[in-house]
């Protein structure tokens, strides 16, 4: 078959396809054998070639057997009426046609043939839209094709914020936080955040890239580390979550998999709150890239998961009421996720004993010192410093405890949130407005030292009209104050004490 030209090949396929379509089941097998022997095709490929030919013949449009009812004259008149109606839709134009045609004819703007007029007044809204479709497309340009939802997305049900109904521990919301800084271009590190609805227990996992299989591996690891089984997972509509492998994983593990509505962040209010209160509070908004950034994040989260879940109380909404435009909310007493798990009847007593043992072994000061050390490392990575992975070290907790009593004087203590200090300004940003007249002002002050700056400013505006505005009075007051301070030093010490008077040179 490869030695014959395309026309001959098409003729052979056309003839075989016609015989194949009209043959019985047994005859189709013999026709296929002949076709395979003639062409040398693989049997499966030969079946595909024949079926494609049969389908293409079925898809060929049928020739029109009846004349068009609405010809080009009707379409041209319809375009004019559509423009005259300010381009409204077909249904609205249908109800307006009789009034619009009569008004345009009454004022001499339109003169229609009787047949065209009758067709226009009897046309349907659907036909109007069909006839105007090429015109609308030329005006608006081609519309974006709407993508059909994938099979994986269609199989995942939607859950809103009101759909939880006080679940037991194990039903969690998940989201992905990008550590991209001010731009999304390039490969950046991500954080997978899971938050339990009942207790607020939060888990963070560092991901080097945004990839669905890494999400599955993170879930497998968290299933072994969390103090409760993963019963439900609610995510957004990103491709790292809504994919067939994750859907199959949740079905295999018996996890109820749901998703939020697109562009409705309030459907995932629990995890969105933790994105800011935990991840952004610890990591900040700097850019982290590559394996080094993911490793630093992993070490940070190994300490922060214990500090957040055991030593960070959080509020939980009790109820919310709306009266008119005012929304009132009531919250339960702040409690740690650890405390809520101990109070839950859904957690077994053996697991509660393990949680108490972990709590007894934790030193919050040591955890906080480890968090601060890794934050220093992350701050260096975001600034582009060539740092290696932060080595483990022996913490000097006495020094760290002593620094906490004075930390408030330094302002922001988290290195990931500290801004680079700006250099002190020693230059003028604007020209001195009194540079030219200051020698004259000095003569007035030496002549009458008790005169106020306001009186001097009025005299300047009288003698030099134009260059001085009302807002420059405060500048002159500061200059006069400095002059009086220097004059007082001269009276007391006999010199200016090293402080130079304001002069025109300054």
Protein backbone atom coordinates (compact mmCIF):
# COMPACT_ATOMS: atom_id res chain seq x y z
CA UNK A 1 0.00 0.00 0.00
CA UNK A 2 2.92 2.32 0.60
CA UNK A 3 3.98 2.09 -3.10
CA UNK A 4 0.72 3.40 -4.59
CA UNK A 5 -0.24 7.07 -4.72
CA UNK A 6 -2.83 8.79 -2.52
CA UNK A 7 -5.60 8.80 -5.11
CA UNK A 8 -5.34 5.04 -5.63
CA UNK A 9 -5.23 4.50 -1.86
CA UNK A 10 -8.39 6.56 -1.37
CA UNK A 11 -10.17 4.66 -4.13
CA UNK A 12 -9.28 1.30 -2.54
CA UNK A 13 -10.39 2.43 0.92
CA UNK A 14 -13.63 3.86 -0.52
CA UNK A 15 -14.46 0.60 -2.34
CA UNK A 16 -13.61 -1.59 0.68
CA UNK A 17 -15.58 0.69 3.03
CA UNK A 18 -18.69 0.44 0.82
CA UNK A 19 -18.45 -3.37 0.73
CA UNK A 20 -17.75 -3.51 4.49
CA UNK A 21 -20.75 -1.36 5.36
CA UNK A 22 -23.22 -3.39 3.28
CA UNK A 23 -21.86 -6.85 4.29
CA UNK A 24 -23.09 -9.17 7.02
CA UNK A 25 -21.03 -9.98 10.08
CA UNK A 26 -19.38 -13.05 8.53
CA UNK A 27 -18.74 -11.28 5.22
CA UNK A 28 -17.16 -8.32 7.09
CA UNK A 29 -14.50 -10.65 8.45
CA UNK A 30 -13.64 -11.85 4.91
CA UNK A 31 -13.61 -8.27 3.55
CA UNK A 32 -11.27 -7.26 6.35
CA UNK A 33 -8.96 -10.22 5.60
CA UNK A 34 -8.75 -9.16 1.96
CA UNK A 35 -8.05 -5.55 2.93
CA UNK A 36 -5.25 -6.55 5.33
CA UNK A 37 -3.68 -8.85 2.71
CA UNK A 38 -3.88 -6.12 0.06
CA UNK A 39 -2.52 -3.24 2.11
CA UNK A 40 -0.28 -4.94 4.67
CA UNK A 41 -1.93 -2.93 7.45
CA UNK A 42 -2.20 -4.26 10.97
CA UNK A 43 -5.70 -5.63 11.50
CA UNK A 44 -6.61 -3.03 14.17
CA UNK A 45 -5.33 -0.20 12.00
CA UNK A 46 -7.31 -1.53 9.01
CA UNK A 47 -10.49 -1.51 11.13
CA UNK A 48 -9.82 2.09 12.16
CA UNK A 49 -9.24 3.18 8.54
CA UNK A 50 -12.49 1.57 7.33
CA UNK A 51 -14.56 2.93 10.23
CA UNK A 52 -13.15 6.42 9.75
CA UNK A 53 -14.18 6.29 6.08
CA UNK A 54 -17.69 5.14 7.00
CA UNK A 55 -18.02 7.90 9.63
CA UNK A 56 -16.80 10.58 7.21
CA UNK A 57 -19.46 9.54 4.70
CA UNK A 58 -22.15 9.81 7.38
CA UNK A 59 -20.89 13.26 8.38
CA UNK A 60 -21.17 14.70 4.88
CA UNK A 61 -23.89 17.41 4.87
CA UNK A 62 -27.01 16.74 2.95
CA UNK A 63 -27.88 18.97 0.04
CA UNK A 64 -30.68 21.46 0.62
CA UNK A 65 -33.87 20.28 -1.06
CA UNK A 66 -36.08 23.31 -0.29
CA UNK A 67 -35.51 27.00 -1.05
CA UNK A 68 -34.53 29.45 1.65
CA UNK A 69 -37.42 31.25 3.29
CA UNK A 70 -35.37 34.23 4.51
CA UNK A 71 -33.11 35.37 1.71
CA UNK A 72 -30.32 37.95 1.66
CA UNK A 73 -32.75 40.86 1.40
CA UNK A 74 -34.40 39.84 4.69
CA UNK A 75 -31.01 39.44 6.36
CA UNK A 76 -29.81 42.89 5.21
CA UNK A 77 -33.00 44.50 6.47
CA UNK A 78 -32.66 42.62 9.75
CA UNK A 79 -29.09 43.93 10.20
CA UNK A 80 -30.34 47.51 9.75
CA UNK A 81 -33.13 46.99 12.28
CA UNK A 82 -30.68 45.34 14.73
CA UNK A 83 -28.36 48.33 14.53
CA UNK A 84 -31.30 50.73 14.89
CA UNK A 85 -32.34 48.90 18.10
CA UNK A 86 -28.82 49.33 19.59
CA UNK A 87 -27.92 45.68 18.98
CA UNK A 88 -30.35 44.00 21.35
CA UNK A 89 -30.83 40.23 21.53
CA UNK A 90 -33.10 38.24 19.23
CA UNK A 91 -35.95 37.77 21.71
CA UNK A 92 -36.14 41.47 22.49
CA UNK A 93 -35.80 42.40 18.82
CA UNK A 94 -38.65 40.04 17.88
CA UNK A 95 -41.08 41.91 20.16
CA UNK A 96 -39.81 45.29 18.86
CA UNK A 97 -39.88 44.60 15.11
CA UNK A 98 -43.45 45.70 14.41
CA UNK A 99 -43.05 48.97 16.34
CA UNK A 100 -39.56 49.65 14.96
CA UNK A 101 -40.45 48.99 11.31
CA UNK A 102 -43.53 51.20 11.56
CA UNK A 103 -41.58 54.03 13.19
CA UNK A 104 -38.78 53.95 10.63
CA UNK A 105 -41.23 53.84 7.73
CA UNK A 106 -43.29 56.67 9.22
CA UNK A 107 -40.27 58.95 9.34
CA UNK A 108 -39.05 57.97 5.89
CA UNK A 109 -35.93 56.11 7.05
CA UNK A 110 -36.97 52.71 5.68
CA UNK A 111 -38.87 51.51 2.63
CA UNK A 112 -39.46 47.76 2.54
CA UNK A 113 -40.86 45.51 -0.14
CA UNK A 114 -44.15 43.95 0.88
CA UNK A 115 -42.76 40.40 0.81
CA UNK A 116 -39.68 41.36 2.86
CA UNK A 117 -41.85 43.25 5.35
CA UNK A 118 -44.17 40.26 5.81
CA UNK A 119 -41.24 37.91 6.38
CA UNK A 120 -39.62 40.25 8.89
CA UNK A 121 -42.77 40.47 10.96
CA UNK A 122 -43.25 36.69 10.96
CA UNK A 123 -39.65 35.71 11.72
CA UNK A 124 -38.90 33.87 15.00
CA UNK A 125 -36.40 34.93 17.67
CA UNK A 126 -34.24 31.85 17.02
CA UNK A 127 -34.06 32.64 13.30
CA UNK A 128 -33.13 36.25 14.10
CA UNK A 129 -30.18 35.04 16.20
CA UNK A 130 -29.17 32.57 13.47
CA UNK A 131 -29.23 35.18 10.70
CA UNK A 132 -27.40 37.76 12.83
CA UNK A 133 -24.74 35.30 14.09
CA UNK A 134 -22.12 36.14 11.38
CA UNK A 135 -22.68 39.87 11.93
CA UNK A 136 -22.33 39.56 15.72
CA UNK A 137 -19.19 37.46 15.32
CA UNK A 138 -17.63 40.09 13.07
CA UNK A 139 -18.41 42.78 15.67
CA UNK A 140 -17.34 40.93 18.82
CA UNK A 141 -14.69 38.65 17.39
CA UNK A 142 -14.64 34.92 17.94
CA UNK A 143 -15.93 33.85 21.31
CA UNK A 144 -13.79 31.82 23.63
CA UNK A 145 -14.77 28.21 23.61
CA UNK A 146 -16.08 27.03 26.94
CA UNK A 147 -14.35 23.92 28.13
CA UNK A 148 -16.46 21.00 29.06
CA UNK A 149 -15.78 19.76 32.59
CA UNK A 150 -13.46 16.79 32.71
CA UNK A 151 -14.72 13.38 33.79
CA UNK A 152 -12.76 13.69 37.05
CA UNK A 153 -14.32 17.06 37.87
CA UNK A 154 -17.80 15.86 36.99
CA UNK A 155 -17.38 12.92 39.38
CA UNK A 156 -16.47 15.12 42.38
CA UNK A 157 -19.51 16.63 44.15
CA UNK A 158 -19.62 20.27 45.25
CA UNK A 159 -19.66 21.22 48.94
CA UNK A 160 -20.32 24.74 50.23
CA UNK A 161 -19.39 26.30 53.57
CA UNK A 162 -22.84 25.47 54.97
CA UNK A 163 -22.56 21.80 54.03
CA UNK A 164 -20.38 20.53 56.89
CA UNK A 165 -23.00 20.22 59.67
CA UNK A 166 -20.57 19.66 62.58
CA UNK A 167 -18.53 16.70 61.23
CA UNK A 168 -16.31 14.57 63.48
CA UNK A 169 -12.51 14.99 63.36
CA UNK A 170 -11.10 13.76 60.05
CA UNK A 171 -13.02 15.92 57.58
CA UNK A 172 -10.51 18.44 56.23
CA UNK A 173 -10.25 21.25 53.73
CA UNK A 174 -7.15 21.38 51.52
CA UNK A 175 -5.47 24.15 49.58
CA UNK A 176 -2.15 24.98 47.93
CA UNK A 177 -0.15 28.13 48.79
CA UNK A 178 2.42 29.37 46.25
CA UNK A 179 5.63 30.97 47.56
CA UNK A 180 6.15 32.99 44.40
CA UNK A 181 6.85 36.48 45.71
CA UNK A 182 5.62 39.10 43.24
CA UNK A 183 5.61 36.90 40.11
CA UNK A 184 4.33 33.44 39.24
CA UNK A 185 6.82 32.78 36.43
CA UNK A 186 9.31 29.97 36.94
CA UNK A 187 9.40 27.02 39.30
CA UNK A 188 8.50 27.92 42.88
CA UNK A 189 7.88 26.01 46.11
CA UNK A 190 4.35 25.30 47.35
CA UNK A 191 2.74 24.42 50.65
CA UNK A 192 -0.10 21.92 50.89
CA UNK A 193 -2.36 23.01 53.77
CA UNK A 194 -4.96 20.72 55.38
CA UNK A 195 -7.27 21.98 58.14
CA UNK A 196 -9.64 19.82 60.20
CA UNK A 197 -13.13 21.32 60.42
CA UNK A 198 -13.97 19.99 63.90
CA UNK A 199 -10.74 20.70 65.80
CA UNK A 200 -8.78 23.18 63.65
CA UNK A 201 -5.83 20.75 63.50
CA UNK A 202 -3.60 22.03 60.70
CA UNK A 203 -0.98 20.16 58.69
CA UNK A 204 1.43 21.79 56.23
CA UNK A 205 3.54 19.89 53.70
CA UNK A 206 6.24 21.48 51.52
CA UNK A 207 6.13 20.63 47.79
CA UNK A 208 8.99 21.42 45.43
CA UNK A 209 6.58 21.63 42.45
CA UNK A 210 2.84 21.77 41.84
CA UNK A 211 2.01 18.21 40.86
CA UNK A 212 -0.89 15.84 41.53
CA UNK A 213 1.21 12.77 42.39
CA UNK A 214 3.08 14.75 45.06
CA UNK A 215 -0.27 15.65 46.64
CA UNK A 216 -1.13 11.95 46.83
CA UNK A 217 2.23 11.12 48.42
CA UNK A 218 1.72 13.92 50.95
CA UNK A 219 -1.71 12.54 51.85
CA UNK A 220 -0.26 9.07 52.33
CA UNK A 221 2.32 10.46 54.73
CA UNK A 222 -0.17 12.55 56.65
CA UNK A 223 -2.47 9.56 57.11
CA UNK A 224 0.30 7.98 59.22
CA UNK A 225 1.09 11.14 61.23
CA UNK A 226 -2.31 12.66 62.03
CA UNK A 227 -4.07 11.68 65.29
CA UNK A 228 -7.28 10.78 63.43
CA UNK A 229 -8.11 9.02 60.16
CA UNK A 230 -8.68 11.12 57.07
CA UNK A 231 -12.43 10.74 56.42
CA UNK A 232 -13.15 13.59 54.01
CA UNK A 233 -11.22 15.99 51.78
CA UNK A 234 -12.60 19.21 50.32
CA UNK A 235 -10.39 21.09 47.83
CA UNK A 236 -10.60 23.79 45.21
CA UNK A 237 -10.83 23.15 41.45
CA UNK A 238 -7.10 23.21 40.65
CA UNK A 239 -5.64 20.49 38.45
CA UNK A 240 -3.35 19.32 41.27
CA UNK A 241 -6.51 18.20 43.13
CA UNK A 242 -9.14 17.46 40.48
CA UNK A 243 -7.51 14.60 38.60
CA UNK A 244 -8.21 10.92 38.09
CA UNK A 245 -5.32 9.58 40.27
CA UNK A 246 -6.48 11.57 43.32
CA UNK A 247 -10.12 10.62 42.73
CA UNK A 248 -9.09 6.97 42.53
CA UNK A 249 -6.91 7.31 45.66
CA UNK A 250 -9.78 8.77 47.70
CA UNK A 251 -12.15 6.04 46.48
CA UNK A 252 -9.59 3.36 47.38
CA UNK A 253 -8.98 4.81 50.87
CA UNK A 254 -12.67 5.46 51.59
CA UNK A 255 -12.16 9.25 51.71
CA UNK A 256 -15.15 11.42 50.86
CA UNK A 257 -13.80 13.73 48.15
CA UNK A 258 -15.61 17.02 47.46
CA UNK A 259 -14.74 20.36 45.87
CA UNK A 260 -15.74 23.99 46.26
CA UNK A 261 -17.48 26.15 43.70
CA UNK A 262 -15.13 27.92 41.28
CA UNK A 263 -14.12 31.43 42.37
CA UNK A 264 -15.96 31.10 45.71
CA UNK A 265 -13.23 31.24 48.34
CA UNK A 266 -15.76 31.41 51.17
CA UNK A 267 -16.63 27.77 50.42
CA UNK A 268 -13.20 26.97 51.90
CA UNK A 269 -13.19 29.52 54.70
CA UNK A 270 -11.49 27.17 57.19
CA UNK A 271 -8.36 26.50 55.18
CA UNK A 272 -8.23 30.00 53.67
CA UNK A 273 -8.02 31.41 57.20
CA UNK A 274 -5.11 29.08 58.02
CA UNK A 275 -3.32 30.10 54.83
CA UNK A 276 -2.89 33.53 56.36
CA UNK A 277 -2.79 32.76 60.09
CA UNK A 278 -0.28 29.89 59.78
CA UNK A 279 1.54 29.76 56.44
CA UNK A 280 1.87 33.46 55.61
CA UNK A 281 2.49 34.32 59.26
CA UNK A 282 5.38 31.85 59.39
CA UNK A 283 6.81 32.06 55.87
CA UNK A 284 5.75 35.51 54.67
CA UNK A 285 5.30 36.44 51.02
CA UNK A 286 8.87 36.02 49.75
CA UNK A 287 9.87 33.88 46.78
CA UNK A 288 11.24 30.38 47.44
CA UNK A 289 12.55 28.16 44.66
CA UNK A 290 13.96 24.69 44.16
CA UNK A 291 14.90 21.90 46.51
CA UNK A 292 16.61 24.26 49.00
CA UNK A 293 13.38 26.21 49.53
CA UNK A 294 11.29 23.06 49.91
CA UNK A 295 13.75 21.53 52.40
CA UNK A 296 13.75 24.68 54.52
CA UNK A 297 9.95 24.73 54.49
CA UNK A 298 9.81 21.07 55.49
CA UNK A 299 12.02 21.71 58.51
CA UNK A 300 9.97 24.76 59.47
CA UNK A 301 6.71 22.78 59.34
CA UNK A 302 8.13 19.91 61.43
CA UNK A 303 8.43 22.35 64.34
CA UNK A 304 5.47 24.59 63.58
CA UNK A 305 2.92 21.73 63.36
CA UNK A 306 3.59 20.94 67.04
CA UNK A 307 3.70 24.58 68.10
CA UNK A 308 0.49 25.50 66.23
CA UNK A 309 -1.57 22.42 67.14
CA UNK A 310 -0.51 22.18 70.80
CA UNK A 311 0.21 25.78 71.86
CA UNK A 312 -1.83 28.08 69.59
CA UNK A 313 -5.51 28.50 70.64
CA UNK A 314 -7.92 29.51 67.90
CA UNK A 315 -11.49 30.77 67.76
CA UNK A 316 -14.34 28.67 66.43
CA UNK A 317 -17.59 30.18 65.20
CA UNK A 318 -20.64 29.24 67.30
CA UNK A 319 -23.36 30.95 65.27
CA UNK A 320 -23.91 33.84 62.87
CA UNK A 321 -27.04 35.94 62.61
CA UNK A 322 -28.05 38.68 60.20
CA UNK A 323 -30.37 41.46 61.27
CA UNK A 324 -30.89 43.79 58.33
CA UNK A 325 -27.43 44.77 57.08
CA UNK A 326 -25.70 43.89 60.36
CA UNK A 327 -24.10 40.48 60.89
CA UNK A 328 -23.45 39.39 64.47
CA UNK A 329 -21.15 36.45 65.24
CA UNK A 330 -20.57 34.52 68.45
CA UNK A 331 -17.48 32.41 69.06
CA UNK A 332 -16.62 29.61 71.42
CA UNK A 333 -13.88 30.08 74.00
CA UNK A 334 -10.47 29.90 72.24
CA UNK A 335 -9.00 26.41 72.43
CA UNK A 336 -6.04 24.61 70.89
CA UNK A 337 -6.63 21.81 68.37
CA UNK A 338 -5.05 19.45 70.90
CA UNK A 339 -7.64 20.48 73.51
CA UNK A 340 -10.53 20.04 71.09
CA UNK A 341 -9.37 16.53 70.19
CA UNK A 342 -9.19 15.56 73.87
CA UNK A 343 -12.76 16.79 74.33
CA UNK A 344 -14.06 14.94 71.27
CA UNK A 345 -15.92 11.65 71.77
CA UNK A 346 -14.87 10.52 68.26
CA UNK A 347 -11.20 10.14 69.31
CA UNK A 348 -10.28 6.86 70.97
CA UNK A 349 -8.85 6.90 74.48
CA UNK A 350 -5.58 5.28 73.34
CA UNK A 351 -5.01 8.12 70.89
CA UNK A 352 -5.79 10.66 73.61
CA UNK A 353 -3.16 9.05 75.83
CA UNK A 354 -0.62 9.34 73.01
CA UNK A 355 -1.49 13.01 72.54
CA UNK A 356 -1.02 13.66 76.27
CA UNK A 357 2.38 11.95 76.12
CA UNK A 358 3.44 14.11 73.17
CA UNK A 359 2.24 17.23 74.99
CA UNK A 360 4.26 16.33 78.09
CA UNK A 361 7.45 16.02 76.03
CA UNK A 362 7.13 19.33 74.15
CA UNK A 363 9.04 22.46 75.10
CA UNK A 364 7.30 25.48 73.49
CA UNK A 365 10.41 27.64 73.86
CA UNK A 366 12.54 25.11 71.99
CA UNK A 367 9.97 24.89 69.21
CA UNK A 368 9.78 28.67 68.88
CA UNK A 369 13.58 28.95 68.80
CA UNK A 370 13.71 26.37 66.01
CA UNK A 371 11.02 28.29 64.09
CA UNK A 372 12.97 31.55 64.39
CA UNK A 373 16.21 29.88 63.25
CA UNK A 374 14.57 28.44 60.12
CA UNK A 375 12.89 31.77 59.44
CA UNK A 376 16.34 33.40 59.36
CA UNK A 377 17.34 30.79 56.79
CA UNK A 378 14.17 31.41 54.72
CA UNK A 379 14.73 35.16 54.81
CA UNK A 380 18.19 34.60 53.36
CA UNK A 381 16.78 32.40 50.58
CA UNK A 382 14.20 35.03 49.61
CA UNK A 383 16.98 37.63 49.37
CA UNK A 384 18.90 35.36 46.99
CA UNK A 385 21.75 34.53 49.33
CA UNK A 386 23.67 31.34 48.48
CA UNK A 387 22.90 29.36 51.66
CA UNK A 388 23.17 25.66 52.26
CA UNK A 389 20.58 23.63 54.10
CA UNK A 390 20.39 24.86 57.68
CA UNK A 391 22.27 22.37 59.90
CA UNK A 392 20.84 21.11 63.15
CA UNK A 393 22.23 22.89 66.16
CA UNK A 394 22.11 22.93 69.94
CA UNK A 395 19.77 25.73 70.94
CA UNK A 396 20.84 28.20 73.61
CA UNK A 397 17.41 28.50 75.23
CA UNK A 398 18.60 30.71 78.10
CA UNK A 399 19.83 33.29 75.62
CA UNK A 400 16.62 32.99 73.63
CA UNK A 401 14.45 33.35 76.74
CA UNK A 402 16.36 36.47 77.80
CA UNK A 403 15.88 37.99 74.33
CA UNK A 404 12.10 37.56 74.54
CA UNK A 405 11.79 40.12 77.32
CA UNK A 406 13.34 42.80 75.09
CA UNK A 407 12.02 41.64 71.72
CA UNK A 408 9.16 44.17 71.74
CA UNK A 409 11.67 47.03 71.50
CA UNK A 410 12.90 45.75 68.14
CA UNK A 411 9.46 45.77 66.52
CA UNK A 412 8.97 42.91 64.05
CA UNK A 413 11.01 39.89 65.22
CA UNK A 414 10.11 37.40 62.48
CA UNK A 415 12.95 37.51 59.94
CA UNK A 416 10.57 36.53 57.14
CA UNK A 417 8.58 39.73 57.73
CA UNK A 418 11.35 42.22 58.46
CA UNK A 419 11.93 44.89 55.84
CA UNK A 420 15.42 45.90 54.82
CA UNK A 421 16.45 49.04 56.72
CA UNK A 422 16.49 52.18 54.62
CA UNK A 423 19.67 54.33 54.71
CA UNK A 424 19.44 57.53 56.66
CA UNK A 425 18.73 60.54 54.47
CA UNK A 426 21.36 63.26 54.65
CA UNK A 427 20.44 65.21 51.53
CA UNK A 428 17.77 67.77 50.76
CA UNK A 429 14.89 66.57 48.63
CA UNK A 430 13.70 70.12 47.78
CA UNK A 431 15.41 73.42 47.20
CA UNK A 432 15.65 75.71 50.26
CA UNK A 433 12.96 78.41 49.68
CA UNK A 434 14.70 80.90 52.00
CA UNK A 435 18.22 80.45 50.60
CA UNK A 436 18.27 83.83 48.85
CA UNK A 437 16.63 85.90 51.61
CA UNK A 438 18.13 84.27 54.73
CA UNK A 439 20.92 86.90 55.17
CA UNK A 440 18.22 89.56 55.20
CA UNK A 441 16.19 87.58 57.80
CA UNK A 442 19.33 87.30 59.98
CA UNK A 443 19.68 91.10 59.95
CA UNK A 444 16.04 91.47 61.05
CA UNK A 445 16.53 88.93 63.87
CA UNK A 446 19.71 90.59 65.13
CA UNK A 447 17.97 93.97 65.06
CA UNK A 448 14.77 92.78 66.84
CA UNK A 449 15.36 89.27 68.31
CA UNK A 450 11.90 89.08 69.87
CA UNK A 451 10.03 89.20 66.56
CA UNK A 452 8.08 86.02 65.76
CA UNK A 453 8.55 83.93 62.65
CA UNK A 454 4.99 84.74 61.56
CA UNK A 455 5.77 88.50 61.58
CA UNK A 456 8.99 87.90 59.65
CA UNK A 457 7.11 85.76 57.10
CA UNK A 458 4.51 88.51 56.54
CA UNK A 459 7.27 91.08 56.02
CA UNK A 460 8.99 88.77 53.52
CA UNK A 461 5.78 88.36 51.51
CA UNK A 462 5.32 92.15 51.43
CA UNK A 463 8.88 92.90 50.29
CA UNK A 464 9.14 89.86 47.97
CA UNK A 465 5.65 89.21 46.60
CA UNK A 466 5.14 85.96 44.74
CA UNK A 467 7.78 83.35 45.71
CA UNK A 468 6.50 82.49 49.23
CA UNK A 469 3.33 80.46 49.89
CA UNK A 470 1.31 80.02 53.07
CA UNK A 471 2.56 76.48 53.58
CA UNK A 472 6.19 77.65 53.91
CA UNK A 473 5.58 79.40 57.25
CA UNK A 474 6.36 76.20 59.17
CA UNK A 475 9.78 75.94 57.46
CA UNK A 476 10.66 79.49 58.50
CA UNK A 477 9.52 78.78 62.07
CA UNK A 478 11.94 75.84 62.31
CA UNK A 479 14.79 77.94 60.95
CA UNK A 480 14.09 80.74 63.45
CA UNK A 481 13.89 78.23 66.32
CA UNK A 482 17.32 76.84 65.40
CA UNK A 483 18.74 80.38 65.28
CA UNK A 484 17.42 81.21 68.76
CA UNK A 485 18.84 77.94 70.18
CA UNK A 486 22.28 78.74 68.77
CA UNK A 487 22.05 82.33 70.05
CA UNK A 488 21.22 81.07 73.55
CA UNK A 489 24.30 78.82 73.52
CA UNK A 490 26.48 81.75 72.57
CA UNK A 491 25.15 83.73 75.52
CA UNK A 492 25.77 80.84 77.96
CA UNK A 493 28.97 79.28 76.65
CA UNK A 494 30.43 82.06 74.55
CA UNK A 495 30.36 79.87 71.41
CA UNK A 496 27.88 77.91 69.33
CA UNK A 497 28.84 74.62 70.98
CA UNK A 498 29.70 73.06 67.69
CA UNK A 499 26.24 73.61 66.25
CA UNK A 500 26.34 75.69 63.06
CA UNK A 501 23.75 78.35 62.41
CA UNK A 502 21.48 77.99 59.42
CA UNK A 503 23.06 79.90 56.60
CA UNK A 504 22.43 80.33 52.96
CA UNK A 505 25.24 77.89 52.18
CA UNK A 506 23.27 75.16 53.95
